[in-house]
Amino acid sequence: MKTPPKPDSFNDTVAWVNYLNYIVGIGLIAWGIIDVVTSPLSPWNWLYPLYYCIFGMMLISAQHHFAFIDRNFLFLHHYFGRGLFTTYLGTLFVQYFEDGNFFFKVGSYAACAILMFCGLV
């Protein structure tokens, strides 16, 4: 009797990390858009959301191995560098811990925890 082949756990982990990076990138873009819509009309209040959108697009385009990302942001090509970058993105949400409405406080705690987890995985 033949035994079924064991699943390759490394490939499964890599697939989950890739899915998490897509979700994190889309989440960062969504957070940036929501933050722009709900913030007062001041250029300084639009700076962080703009960077959230840019960083989200960088994570998504790193998954597709665009030449611009591979050439200029080589650390996003490797999982360790992408993990450090995602951990850095998690620290950006600490700014919402002190002030802001309830939605941003709860959302920032959740976003910070999810990004830190994705960075460590």
PDB file of N, CA and C in Angstrom:
ATOM      1  N   MET A   1       0.836  -1.173   0.000  1.00  0.00           N
ATOM      2  CA  MET A   1       0.000   0.000   0.000  1.00  0.00           C
ATOM      3  C   MET A   1       0.887   1.245   0.000  1.00  0.00           C
ATOM      4  N   LYS A   2       0.580   2.165  -0.899  1.00  0.00           N
ATOM      5  CA  LYS A   2       1.362   3.390  -1.016  1.00  0.00           C
ATOM      6  C   LYS A   2       0.873   4.423  -0.004  1.00  0.00           C
ATOM      7  N   THR A   3       1.810   5.125   0.545  1.00  0.00           N
ATOM      8  CA  THR A   3       1.453   6.229   1.429  1.00  0.00           C
ATOM      9  C   THR A   3       1.401   7.504   0.597  1.00  0.00           C
ATOM     10  N   PRO A   4       0.468   8.373   0.897  1.00  0.00           N
ATOM     11  CA  PRO A   4       0.397   9.629   0.135  1.00  0.00           C
ATOM     12  C   PRO A   4       1.612  10.499   0.431  1.00  0.00           C
ATOM     13  N   PRO A   5       2.036  11.285  -0.536  1.00  0.00           N
ATOM     14  CA  PRO A   5       3.196  12.153  -0.288  1.00  0.00           C
ATOM     15  C   PRO A   5       2.855  13.234   0.734  1.00  0.00           C
ATOM     16  N   LYS A   6       3.846  13.541   1.525  1.00  0.00           N
ATOM     17  CA  LYS A   6       3.662  14.587   2.539  1.00  0.00           C
ATOM     18  C   LYS A   6       3.681  15.953   1.866  1.00  0.00           C
ATOM     19  N   PRO A   7       2.849  16.858   2.332  1.00  0.00           N
ATOM     20  CA  PRO A   7       2.895  18.212   1.752  1.00  0.00           C
ATOM     21  C   PRO A   7       4.191  18.907   2.138  1.00  0.00           C
ATOM     22  N   ASP A   8       4.664  19.699   1.245  1.00  0.00           N
ATOM     23  CA  ASP A   8       5.886  20.445   1.495  1.00  0.00           C
ATOM     24  C   ASP A   8       5.536  21.671   2.329  1.00  0.00           C
ATOM     25  N   SER A   9       5.892  21.629   3.599  1.00  0.00           N
ATOM     26  CA  SER A   9       5.479  22.703   4.510  1.00  0.00           C
ATOM     27  C   SER A   9       6.162  24.030   4.169  1.00  0.00           C
ATOM     28  N   PHE A  10       7.378  23.985   3.611  1.00  0.00           N
ATOM     29  CA  PHE A  10       8.048  25.233   3.252  1.00  0.00           C
ATOM     30  C   PHE A  10       7.288  25.957   2.152  1.00  0.00           C
ATOM     31  N   ASN A  11       6.861  25.240   1.137  1.00  0.00           N
ATOM     32  CA  ASN A  11       6.106  25.877   0.053  1.00  0.00           C
ATOM     33  C   ASN A  11       4.763  26.398   0.537  1.00  0.00           C
ATOM     34  N   ASP A  12       4.121  25.685   1.471  1.00  0.00           N
ATOM     35  CA  ASP A  12       2.870  26.172   2.043  1.00  0.00           C
ATOM     36  C   ASP A  12       3.095  27.461   2.826  1.00  0.00           C
ATOM     37  N   THR A  13       4.185  27.516   3.577  1.00  0.00           N
ATOM     38  CA  THR A  13       4.494  28.728   4.347  1.00  0.00           C
ATOM     39  C   THR A  13       4.780  29.901   3.419  1.00  0.00           C
ATOM     40  N   VAL A  14       5.534  29.662   2.357  1.00  0.00           N
ATOM     41  CA  VAL A  14       5.842  30.723   1.400  1.00  0.00           C
ATOM     42  C   VAL A  14       4.554  31.232   0.746  1.00  0.00           C
ATOM     43  N   ALA A  15       3.641  30.333   0.426  1.00  0.00           N
ATOM     44  CA  ALA A  15       2.374  30.753  -0.182  1.00  0.00           C
ATOM     45  C   ALA A  15       1.574  31.612   0.790  1.00  0.00           C
ATOM     46  N   TRP A  16       1.533  31.224   2.059  1.00  0.00           N
ATOM     47  CA  TRP A  16       0.798  32.025   3.049  1.00  0.00           C
ATOM     48  C   TRP A  16       1.438  33.389   3.249  1.00  0.00           C
ATOM     49  N   VAL A  17       2.749  33.439   3.266  1.00  0.00           N
ATOM     50  CA  VAL A  17       3.441  34.727   3.410  1.00  0.00           C
ATOM     51  C   VAL A  17       3.138  35.620   2.214  1.00  0.00           C
ATOM     52  N   ASN A  18       3.098  35.056   1.017  1.00  0.00           N
ATOM     53  CA  ASN A  18       2.766  35.852  -0.174  1.00  0.00           C
ATOM     54  C   ASN A  18       1.341  36.389  -0.084  1.00  0.00           C
ATOM     55  N   TYR A  19       0.398  35.558   0.353  1.00  0.00           N
ATOM     56  CA  TYR A  19      -0.978  36.031   0.530  1.00  0.00           C
ATOM     57  C   TYR A  19      -1.055  37.122   1.586  1.00  0.00           C
ATOM     58  N   LEU A  20      -0.323  36.943   2.689  1.00  0.00           N
ATOM     59  CA  LEU A  20      -0.329  37.964   3.737  1.00  0.00           C
ATOM     60  C   LEU A  20       0.247  39.277   3.228  1.00  0.00           C
ATOM     61  N   ASN A  21       1.267  39.219   2.388  1.00  0.00           N
ATOM     62  CA  ASN A  21       1.841  40.444   1.836  1.00  0.00           C
ATOM     63  C   ASN A  21       0.851  41.163   0.931  1.00  0.00           C
ATOM     64  N   TYR A  22       0.076  40.416   0.144  1.00  0.00           N
ATOM     65  CA  TYR A  22      -0.981  41.041  -0.652  1.00  0.00           C
ATOM     66  C   TYR A  22      -2.007  41.717   0.244  1.00  0.00           C
ATOM     67  N   ILE A  23      -2.434  41.024   1.281  1.00  0.00           N
ATOM     68  CA  ILE A  23      -3.446  41.570   2.191  1.00  0.00           C
ATOM     69  C   ILE A  23      -2.910  42.805   2.899  1.00  0.00           C
ATOM     70  N   VAL A  24      -1.664  42.753   3.337  1.00  0.00           N
ATOM     71  CA  VAL A  24      -1.059  43.907   4.009  1.00  0.00           C
ATOM     72  C   VAL A  24      -0.957  45.089   3.056  1.00  0.00           C
ATOM     73  N   GLY A  25      -0.542  44.854   1.809  1.00  0.00           N
ATOM     74  CA  GLY A  25      -0.446  45.942   0.831  1.00  0.00           C
ATOM     75  C   GLY A  25      -1.788  46.578   0.542  1.00  0.00           C
ATOM     76  N   ILE A  26      -2.805  45.757   0.341  1.00  0.00           N
ATOM     77  CA  ILE A  26      -4.155  46.286   0.096  1.00  0.00           C
ATOM     78  C   ILE A  26      -4.678  47.006   1.327  1.00  0.00           C
ATOM     79  N   GLY A  27      -4.393  46.446   2.508  1.00  0.00           N
ATOM     80  CA  GLY A  27      -4.822  47.100   3.750  1.00  0.00           C
ATOM     81  C   GLY A  27      -4.161  48.451   3.951  1.00  0.00           C
ATOM     82  N   LEU A  28      -2.879  48.565   3.622  1.00  0.00           N
ATOM     83  CA  LEU A  28      -2.195  49.853   3.753  1.00  0.00           C
ATOM     84  C   LEU A  28      -2.778  50.896   2.806  1.00  0.00           C
ATOM     85  N   ILE A  29      -3.081  50.489   1.585  1.00  0.00           N
ATOM     86  CA  ILE A  29      -3.688  51.427   0.636  1.00  0.00           C
ATOM     87  C   ILE A  29      -5.058  51.861   1.125  1.00  0.00           C
ATOM     88  N   ALA A  30      -5.846  50.914   1.621  1.00  0.00           N
ATOM     89  CA  ALA A  30      -7.180  51.246   2.136  1.00  0.00           C
ATOM     90  C   ALA A  30      -7.083  52.163   3.353  1.00  0.00           C
ATOM     91  N   TRP A  31      -6.143  51.879   4.259  1.00  0.00           N
ATOM     92  CA  TRP A  31      -5.977  52.718   5.446  1.00  0.00           C
ATOM     93  C   TRP A  31      -5.577  54.132   5.040  1.00  0.00           C
ATOM     94  N   GLY A  32      -4.683  54.253   4.066  1.00  0.00           N
ATOM     95  CA  GLY A  32      -4.274  55.580   3.607  1.00  0.00           C
ATOM     96  C   GLY A  32      -5.431  56.360   3.015  1.00  0.00           C
ATOM     97  N   ILE A  33      -6.275  55.705   2.224  1.00  0.00           N
ATOM     98  CA  ILE A  33      -7.422  56.386   1.627  1.00  0.00           C
ATOM     99  C   ILE A  33      -8.422  56.796   2.702  1.00  0.00           C
ATOM    100  N   ILE A  34      -8.696  55.905   3.649  1.00  0.00           N
ATOM    101  CA  ILE A  34      -9.636  56.231   4.737  1.00  0.00           C
ATOM    102  C   ILE A  34      -9.092  57.371   5.586  1.00  0.00           C
ATOM    103  N   ASP A  35      -7.795  57.353   5.839  1.00  0.00           N
ATOM    104  CA  ASP A  35      -7.191  58.410   6.656  1.00  0.00           C
ATOM    105  C   ASP A  35      -7.249  59.757   5.947  1.00  0.00           C
ATOM    106  N   VAL A  36      -7.069  59.791   4.635  1.00  0.00           N
ATOM    107  CA  VAL A  36      -7.162  61.049   3.884  1.00  0.00           C
ATOM    108  C   VAL A  36      -8.589  61.574   3.908  1.00  0.00           C
ATOM    109  N   VAL A  37      -9.560  60.679   3.748  1.00  0.00           N
ATOM    110  CA  VAL A  37     -10.962  61.099   3.700  1.00  0.00           C
ATOM    111  C   VAL A  37     -11.426  61.639   5.040  1.00  0.00           C
ATOM    112  N   THR A  38     -10.962  61.067   6.138  1.00  0.00           N
ATOM    113  CA  THR A  38     -11.450  61.469   7.454  1.00  0.00           C
ATOM    114  C   THR A  38     -10.596  62.520   8.148  1.00  0.00           C
ATOM    115  N   SER A  39      -9.446  62.886   7.578  1.00  0.00           N
ATOM    116  CA  SER A  39      -8.584  63.860   8.248  1.00  0.00           C
ATOM    117  C   SER A  39      -8.943  65.283   7.820  1.00  0.00           C
ATOM    118  N   PRO A  40      -8.625  66.256   8.672  1.00  0.00           N
ATOM    119  CA  PRO A  40      -8.875  67.650   8.295  1.00  0.00           C
ATOM    120  C   PRO A  40      -8.008  68.058   7.101  1.00  0.00           C
ATOM    121  N   LEU A  41      -8.406  69.134   6.465  1.00  0.00           N
ATOM    122  CA  LEU A  41      -7.692  69.598   5.272  1.00  0.00           C
ATOM    123  C   LEU A  41      -6.412  70.326   5.655  1.00  0.00           C
ATOM    124  N   SER A  42      -5.396  69.555   5.910  1.00  0.00           N
ATOM    125  CA  SER A  42      -4.077  70.090   6.215  1.00  0.00           C
ATOM    126  C   SER A  42      -3.051  69.214   5.494  1.00  0.00           C
ATOM    127  N   PRO A  43      -2.058  69.820   4.869  1.00  0.00           N
ATOM    128  CA  PRO A  43      -1.087  69.002   4.132  1.00  0.00           C
ATOM    129  C   PRO A  43      -0.326  68.025   5.017  1.00  0.00           C
ATOM    130  N   TRP A  44      -0.103  68.389   6.270  1.00  0.00           N
ATOM    131  CA  TRP A  44       0.640  67.496   7.160  1.00  0.00           C
ATOM    132  C   TRP A  44      -0.171  66.258   7.519  1.00  0.00           C
ATOM    133  N   ASN A  45      -1.482  66.385   7.532  1.00  0.00           N
ATOM    134  CA  ASN A  45      -2.326  65.228   7.829  1.00  0.00           C
ATOM    135  C   ASN A  45      -2.425  64.273   6.644  1.00  0.00           C
ATOM    136  N   TRP A  46      -1.951  64.675   5.495  1.00  0.00           N
ATOM    137  CA  TRP A  46      -2.004  63.816   4.310  1.00  0.00           C
ATOM    138  C   TRP A  46      -0.658  63.142   4.036  1.00  0.00           C
ATOM    139  N   LEU A  47       0.361  63.481   4.809  1.00  0.00           N
ATOM    140  CA  LEU A  47       1.691  62.949   4.550  1.00  0.00           C
ATOM    141  C   LEU A  47       1.792  61.457   4.866  1.00  0.00           C
ATOM    142  N   TYR A  48       1.379  61.069   6.070  1.00  0.00           N
ATOM    143  CA  TYR A  48       1.418  59.651   6.428  1.00  0.00           C
ATOM    144  C   TYR A  48       0.518  58.801   5.529  1.00  0.00           C
ATOM    145  N   PRO A  49      -0.724  59.199   5.278  1.00  0.00           N
ATOM    146  CA  PRO A  49      -1.555  58.378   4.382  1.00  0.00           C
ATOM    147  C   PRO A  49      -0.967  58.222   2.985  1.00  0.00           C
ATOM    148  N   LEU A  50      -0.301  59.254   2.499  1.00  0.00           N
ATOM    149  CA  LEU A  50       0.349  59.139   1.196  1.00  0.00           C
ATOM    150  C   LEU A  50       1.440  58.063   1.237  1.00  0.00           C
ATOM    151  N   TYR A  51       2.217  58.066   2.304  1.00  0.00           N
ATOM    152  CA  TYR A  51       3.253  57.049   2.439  1.00  0.00           C
ATOM    153  C   TYR A  51       2.656  55.658   2.639  1.00  0.00           C
ATOM    154  N   TYR A  52       1.531  55.555   3.346  1.00  0.00           N
ATOM    155  CA  TYR A  52       0.869  54.254   3.481  1.00  0.00           C
ATOM    156  C   TYR A  52       0.501  53.700   2.108  1.00  0.00           C
ATOM    157  N   CYS A  53      -0.044  54.545   1.263  1.00  0.00           N
ATOM    158  CA  CYS A  53      -0.419  54.098  -0.084  1.00  0.00           C
ATOM    159  C   CYS A  53       0.815  53.716  -0.900  1.00  0.00           C
ATOM    160  N   ILE A  54       1.864  54.511  -0.809  1.00  0.00           N
ATOM    161  CA  ILE A  54       3.089  54.205  -1.556  1.00  0.00           C
ATOM    162  C   ILE A  54       3.696  52.893  -1.072  1.00  0.00           C
ATOM    163  N   PHE A  55       3.773  52.711   0.250  1.00  0.00           N
ATOM    164  CA  PHE A  55       4.357  51.485   0.781  1.00  0.00           C
ATOM    165  C   PHE A  55       3.495  50.269   0.464  1.00  0.00           C
ATOM    166  N   GLY A  56       2.177  50.432   0.467  1.00  0.00           N
ATOM    167  CA  GLY A  56       1.297  49.337   0.084  1.00  0.00           C
ATOM    168  C   GLY A  56       1.502  48.941  -1.371  1.00  0.00           C
ATOM    169  N   MET A  57       1.635  49.935  -2.236  1.00  0.00           N
ATOM    170  CA  MET A  57       1.896  49.632  -3.649  1.00  0.00           C
ATOM    171  C   MET A  57       3.266  48.991  -3.831  1.00  0.00           C
ATOM    172  N   MET A  58       4.240  49.385  -3.003  1.00  0.00           N
ATOM    173  CA  MET A  58       5.560  48.760  -3.084  1.00  0.00           C
ATOM    174  C   MET A  58       5.494  47.286  -2.709  1.00  0.00           C
ATOM    175  N   LEU A  59       4.745  46.961  -1.645  1.00  0.00           N
ATOM    176  CA  LEU A  59       4.633  45.556  -1.250  1.00  0.00           C
ATOM    177  C   LEU A  59       3.944  44.721  -2.319  1.00  0.00           C
ATOM    178  N   ILE A  60       2.884  45.257  -2.901  1.00  0.00           N
ATOM    179  CA  ILE A  60       2.171  44.507  -3.935  1.00  0.00           C
ATOM    180  C   ILE A  60       3.047  44.347  -5.178  1.00  0.00           C
ATOM    181  N   SER A  61       3.740  45.399  -5.578  1.00  0.00           N
ATOM    182  CA  SER A  61       4.578  45.291  -6.774  1.00  0.00           C
ATOM    183  C   SER A  61       5.814  44.433  -6.521  1.00  0.00           C
ATOM    184  N   ALA A  62       6.251  44.300  -5.268  1.00  0.00           N
ATOM    185  CA  ALA A  62       7.365  43.391  -4.977  1.00  0.00           C
ATOM    186  C   ALA A  62       6.943  41.938  -5.173  1.00  0.00           C
ATOM    187  N   GLN A  63       5.665  41.643  -4.980  1.00  0.00           N
ATOM    188  CA  GLN A  63       5.170  40.292  -5.226  1.00  0.00           C
ATOM    189  C   GLN A  63       5.220  39.942  -6.707  1.00  0.00           C
ATOM    190  N   HIS A  64       5.061  40.933  -7.557  1.00  0.00           N
ATOM    191  CA  HIS A  64       5.049  40.706  -9.002  1.00  0.00           C
ATOM    192  C   HIS A  64       6.430  40.874  -9.628  1.00  0.00           C
ATOM    193  N   HIS A  65       7.440  41.195  -8.821  1.00  0.00           N
ATOM    194  CA  HIS A  65       8.829  41.345  -9.262  1.00  0.00           C
ATOM    195  C   HIS A  65       8.967  42.347 -10.409  1.00  0.00           C
ATOM    196  N   PHE A  66       8.398  43.540 -10.203  1.00  0.00           N
ATOM    197  CA  PHE A  66       8.585  44.599 -11.189  1.00  0.00           C
ATOM    198  C   PHE A  66      10.052  45.001 -11.212  1.00  0.00           C
ATOM    199  N   ALA A  67      10.529  45.355 -12.388  1.00  0.00           N
ATOM    200  CA  ALA A  67      11.949  45.668 -12.557  1.00  0.00           C
ATOM    201  C   ALA A  67      12.362  46.867 -11.708  1.00  0.00           C
ATOM    202  N   PHE A  68      11.491  47.864 -11.597  1.00  0.00           N
ATOM    203  CA  PHE A  68      11.824  49.051 -10.804  1.00  0.00           C
ATOM    204  C   PHE A  68      12.044  48.686  -9.337  1.00  0.00           C
ATOM    205  N   ILE A  69      11.185  47.848  -8.795  1.00  0.00           N
ATOM    206  CA  ILE A  69      11.316  47.439  -7.390  1.00  0.00           C
ATOM    207  C   ILE A  69      12.544  46.566  -7.213  1.00  0.00           C
ATOM    208  N   ASP A  70      12.747  45.610  -8.123  1.00  0.00           N
ATOM    209  CA  ASP A  70      13.905  44.727  -8.005  1.00  0.00           C
ATOM    210  C   ASP A  70      15.222  45.480  -8.163  1.00  0.00           C
ATOM    211  N   ARG A  71      15.223  46.539  -8.931  1.00  0.00           N
ATOM    212  CA  ARG A  71      16.441  47.297  -9.158  1.00  0.00           C
ATOM    213  C   ARG A  71      16.731  48.274  -8.017  1.00  0.00           C
ATOM    214  N   ASN A  72      15.705  48.965  -7.524  1.00  0.00           N
ATOM    215  CA  ASN A  72      15.929  50.034  -6.544  1.00  0.00           C
ATOM    216  C   ASN A  72      15.661  49.632  -5.097  1.00  0.00           C
ATOM    217  N   PHE A  73      14.850  48.632  -4.880  1.00  0.00           N
ATOM    218  CA  PHE A  73      14.505  48.194  -3.530  1.00  0.00           C
ATOM    219  C   PHE A  73      14.767  46.696  -3.428  1.00  0.00           C
ATOM    220  N   LEU A  74      16.029  46.327  -3.495  1.00  0.00           N
ATOM    221  CA  LEU A  74      16.407  44.923  -3.538  1.00  0.00           C
ATOM    222  C   LEU A  74      16.017  44.183  -2.259  1.00  0.00           C
ATOM    223  N   PHE A  75      15.932  44.886  -1.132  1.00  0.00           N
ATOM    224  CA  PHE A  75      15.567  44.232   0.122  1.00  0.00           C
ATOM    225  C   PHE A  75      14.154  43.667   0.078  1.00  0.00           C
ATOM    226  N   LEU A  76      13.266  44.207  -0.775  1.00  0.00           N
ATOM    227  CA  LEU A  76      11.908  43.671  -0.890  1.00  0.00           C
ATOM    228  C   LEU A  76      11.868  42.382  -1.700  1.00  0.00           C
ATOM    229  N   HIS A  77      12.956  42.031  -2.347  1.00  0.00           N
ATOM    230  CA  HIS A  77      13.016  40.806  -3.143  1.00  0.00           C
ATOM    231  C   HIS A  77      13.218  39.572  -2.261  1.00  0.00           C
ATOM    232  N   HIS A  78      13.755  39.769  -1.052  1.00  0.00           N
ATOM    233  CA  HIS A  78      14.028  38.670  -0.135  1.00  0.00           C
ATOM    234  C   HIS A  78      13.043  38.718   1.027  1.00  0.00           C
ATOM    235  N   TYR A  79      12.744  37.556   1.578  1.00  0.00           N
ATOM    236  CA  TYR A  79      11.746  37.484   2.643  1.00  0.00           C
ATOM    237  C   TYR A  79      12.210  38.165   3.925  1.00  0.00           C
ATOM    238  N   PHE A  80      13.501  38.105   4.220  1.00  0.00           N
ATOM    239  CA  PHE A  80      13.993  38.756   5.433  1.00  0.00           C
ATOM    240  C   PHE A  80      13.851  40.271   5.340  1.00  0.00           C
ATOM    241  N   GLY A  81      14.236  40.831   4.205  1.00  0.00           N
ATOM    242  CA  GLY A  81      14.108  42.274   4.014  1.00  0.00           C
ATOM    243  C   GLY A  81      12.663  42.723   3.984  1.00  0.00           C
ATOM    244  N   ARG A  82      11.808  41.922   3.361  1.00  0.00           N
ATOM    245  CA  ARG A  82      10.388  42.244   3.326  1.00  0.00           C
ATOM    246  C   ARG A  82       9.786  42.162   4.724  1.00  0.00           C
ATOM    247  N   GLY A  83      10.262  41.212   5.529  1.00  0.00           N
ATOM    248  CA  GLY A  83       9.795  41.100   6.913  1.00  0.00           C
ATOM    249  C   GLY A  83      10.199  42.300   7.752  1.00  0.00           C
ATOM    250  N   LEU A  84      11.440  42.755   7.582  1.00  0.00           N
ATOM    251  CA  LEU A  84      11.878  43.957   8.300  1.00  0.00           C
ATOM    252  C   LEU A  84      11.087  45.187   7.858  1.00  0.00           C
ATOM    253  N   PHE A  85      10.816  45.290   6.571  1.00  0.00           N
ATOM    254  CA  PHE A  85      10.051  46.413   6.051  1.00  0.00           C
ATOM    255  C   PHE A  85       8.619  46.383   6.594  1.00  0.00           C
ATOM    256  N   THR A  86       8.027  45.210   6.655  1.00  0.00           N
ATOM    257  CA  THR A  86       6.668  45.088   7.188  1.00  0.00           C
ATOM    258  C   THR A  86       6.646  45.406   8.678  1.00  0.00           C
ATOM    259  N   THR A  87       7.687  45.011   9.406  1.00  0.00           N
ATOM    260  CA  THR A  87       7.782  45.371  10.826  1.00  0.00           C
ATOM    261  C   THR A  87       7.887  46.882  10.978  1.00  0.00           C
ATOM    262  N   TYR A  88       8.665  47.533  10.120  1.00  0.00           N
ATOM    263  CA  TYR A  88       8.759  48.995  10.139  1.00  0.00           C
ATOM    264  C   TYR A  88       7.389  49.626   9.881  1.00  0.00           C
ATOM    265  N   LEU A  89       6.644  49.071   8.921  1.00  0.00           N
ATOM    266  CA  LEU A  89       5.317  49.605   8.641  1.00  0.00           C
ATOM    267  C   LEU A  89       4.398  49.468   9.847  1.00  0.00           C
ATOM    268  N   GLY A  90       4.577  48.397  10.613  1.00  0.00           N
ATOM    269  CA  GLY A  90       3.787  48.231  11.832  1.00  0.00           C
ATOM    270  C   GLY A  90       4.077  49.310  12.858  1.00  0.00           C
ATOM    271  N   THR A  91       5.318  49.776  12.905  1.00  0.00           N
ATOM    272  CA  THR A  91       5.651  50.825  13.869  1.00  0.00           C
ATOM    273  C   THR A  91       5.083  52.181  13.457  1.00  0.00           C
ATOM    274  N   LEU A  92       4.744  52.360  12.186  1.00  0.00           N
ATOM    275  CA  LEU A  92       4.163  53.634  11.757  1.00  0.00           C
ATOM    276  C   LEU A  92       2.782  53.874  12.370  1.00  0.00           C
ATOM    277  N   PHE A  93       2.081  52.800  12.726  1.00  0.00           N
ATOM    278  CA  PHE A  93       0.738  52.942  13.267  1.00  0.00           C
ATOM    279  C   PHE A  93       0.729  53.339  14.736  1.00  0.00           C
ATOM    280  N   VAL A  94       1.895  53.427  15.369  1.00  0.00           N
ATOM    281  CA  VAL A  94       1.961  53.824  16.771  1.00  0.00           C
ATOM    282  C   VAL A  94       1.491  55.268  16.949  1.00  0.00           C
ATOM    283  N   GLN A  95       1.575  56.084  15.904  1.00  0.00           N
ATOM    284  CA  GLN A  95       1.159  57.487  16.008  1.00  0.00           C
ATOM    285  C   GLN A  95      -0.314  57.627  16.365  1.00  0.00           C
ATOM    286  N   TYR A  96      -1.135  56.627  16.049  1.00  0.00           N
ATOM    287  CA  TYR A  96      -2.569  56.708  16.325  1.00  0.00           C
ATOM    288  C   TYR A  96      -2.924  56.236  17.729  1.00  0.00           C
ATOM    289  N   PHE A  97      -1.961  55.738  18.512  1.00  0.00           N
ATOM    290  CA  PHE A  97      -2.274  55.199  19.832  1.00  0.00           C
ATOM    291  C   PHE A  97      -2.756  56.284  20.789  1.00  0.00           C
ATOM    292  N   GLU A  98      -2.204  57.489  20.706  1.00  0.00           N
ATOM    293  CA  GLU A  98      -2.509  58.518  21.687  1.00  0.00           C
ATOM    294  C   GLU A  98      -3.718  59.366  21.333  1.00  0.00           C
ATOM    295  N   ASP A  99      -3.810  59.809  20.107  1.00  0.00           N
ATOM    296  CA  ASP A  99      -4.930  60.663  19.738  1.00  0.00           C
ATOM    297  C   ASP A  99      -5.676  60.039  18.567  1.00  0.00           C
ATOM    298  N   GLY A 100      -6.767  60.610  18.262  1.00  0.00           N
ATOM    299  CA  GLY A 100      -7.597  60.066  17.196  1.00  0.00           C
ATOM    300  C   GLY A 100      -8.897  59.524  17.769  1.00  0.00           C
ATOM    301  N   ASN A 101      -9.811  59.208  16.898  1.00  0.00           N
ATOM    302  CA  ASN A 101     -11.085  58.685  17.367  1.00  0.00           C
ATOM    303  C   ASN A 101     -10.971  57.194  17.674  1.00  0.00           C
ATOM    304  N   PHE A 102     -12.055  56.623  18.136  1.00  0.00           N
ATOM    305  CA  PHE A 102     -12.058  55.227  18.575  1.00  0.00           C
ATOM    306  C   PHE A 102     -11.711  54.284  17.434  1.00  0.00           C
ATOM    307  N   PHE A 103     -12.225  54.564  16.233  1.00  0.00           N
ATOM    308  CA  PHE A 103     -11.955  53.710  15.077  1.00  0.00           C
ATOM    309  C   PHE A 103     -10.458  53.630  14.798  1.00  0.00           C
ATOM    310  N   PHE A 104      -9.791  54.772  14.816  1.00  0.00           N
ATOM    311  CA  PHE A 104      -8.367  54.771  14.512  1.00  0.00           C
ATOM    312  C   PHE A 104      -7.549  54.144  15.631  1.00  0.00           C
ATOM    313  N   LYS A 105      -8.003  54.288  16.892  1.00  0.00           N
ATOM    314  CA  LYS A 105      -7.266  53.659  17.988  1.00  0.00           C
ATOM    315  C   LYS A 105      -7.341  52.140  17.886  1.00  0.00           C
ATOM    316  N   VAL A 106      -8.549  51.609  17.743  1.00  0.00           N
ATOM    317  CA  VAL A 106      -8.709  50.159  17.648  1.00  0.00           C
ATOM    318  C   VAL A 106      -8.077  49.639  16.368  1.00  0.00           C
ATOM    319  N   GLY A 107      -8.292  50.350  15.277  1.00  0.00           N
ATOM    320  CA  GLY A 107      -7.703  49.933  14.004  1.00  0.00           C
ATOM    321  C   GLY A 107      -6.194  49.976  14.019  1.00  0.00           C
ATOM    322  N   SER A 108      -5.619  50.957  14.688  1.00  0.00           N
ATOM    323  CA  SER A 108      -4.160  51.051  14.723  1.00  0.00           C
ATOM    324  C   SER A 108      -3.557  49.945  15.575  1.00  0.00           C
ATOM    325  N   TYR A 109      -4.224  49.593  16.693  1.00  0.00           N
ATOM    326  CA  TYR A 109      -3.739  48.456  17.486  1.00  0.00           C
ATOM    327  C   TYR A 109      -3.771  47.173  16.651  1.00  0.00           C
ATOM    328  N   ALA A 110      -4.868  46.958  15.934  1.00  0.00           N
ATOM    329  CA  ALA A 110      -4.996  45.755  15.116  1.00  0.00           C
ATOM    330  C   ALA A 110      -3.986  45.773  13.965  1.00  0.00           C
ATOM    331  N   ALA A 111      -3.860  46.913  13.298  1.00  0.00           N
ATOM    332  CA  ALA A 111      -2.925  47.009  12.169  1.00  0.00           C
ATOM    333  C   ALA A 111      -1.489  46.818  12.630  1.00  0.00           C
ATOM    334  N   CYS A 112      -1.145  47.411  13.757  1.00  0.00           N
ATOM    335  CA  CYS A 112       0.207  47.276  14.285  1.00  0.00           C
ATOM    336  C   CYS A 112       0.495  45.810  14.623  1.00  0.00           C
ATOM    337  N   ALA A 113      -0.452  45.142  15.265  1.00  0.00           N
ATOM    338  CA  ALA A 113      -0.255  43.731  15.624  1.00  0.00           C
ATOM    339  C   ALA A 113      -0.155  42.853  14.387  1.00  0.00           C
ATOM    340  N   ILE A 114      -1.005  43.088  13.399  1.00  0.00           N
ATOM    341  CA  ILE A 114      -0.985  42.268  12.180  1.00  0.00           C
ATOM    342  C   ILE A 114       0.310  42.486  11.403  1.00  0.00           C
ATOM    343  N   LEU A 115       0.741  43.741  11.278  1.00  0.00           N
ATOM    344  CA  LEU A 115       1.965  44.013  10.526  1.00  0.00           C
ATOM    345  C   LEU A 115       3.186  43.453  11.251  1.00  0.00           C
ATOM    346  N   MET A 116       3.203  43.559  12.582  1.00  0.00           N
ATOM    347  CA  MET A 116       4.321  42.990  13.332  1.00  0.00           C
ATOM    348  C   MET A 116       4.357  41.473  13.174  1.00  0.00           C
ATOM    349  N   PHE A 117       3.183  40.841  13.216  1.00  0.00           N
ATOM    350  CA  PHE A 117       3.107  39.398  13.031  1.00  0.00           C
ATOM    351  C   PHE A 117       3.578  38.998  11.635  1.00  0.00           C
ATOM    352  N   CYS A 118       3.113  39.723  10.621  1.00  0.00           N
ATOM    353  CA  CYS A 118       3.536  39.423   9.247  1.00  0.00           C
ATOM    354  C   CYS A 118       5.032  39.641   9.072  1.00  0.00           C
ATOM    355  N   GLY A 119       5.568  40.627   9.739  1.00  0.00           N
ATOM    356  CA  GLY A 119       7.010  40.871   9.646  1.00  0.00           C
ATOM    357  C   GLY A 119       7.837  39.775  10.295  1.00  0.00           C
ATOM    358  N   LEU A 120       7.303  39.199  11.360  1.00  0.00           N
ATOM    359  CA  LEU A 120       8.032  38.142  12.052  1.00  0.00           C
ATOM    360  C   LEU A 120       7.881  36.785  11.391  1.00  0.00           C
ATOM    361  N   VAL A 121       6.781  36.610  10.649  1.00  0.00           N
ATOM    362  CA  VAL A 121       6.574  35.329   9.952  1.00  0.00           C
ATOM    363  C   VAL A 121       7.445  35.328   8.741  1.00  0.00           C
TER     364      VAL A 121
END
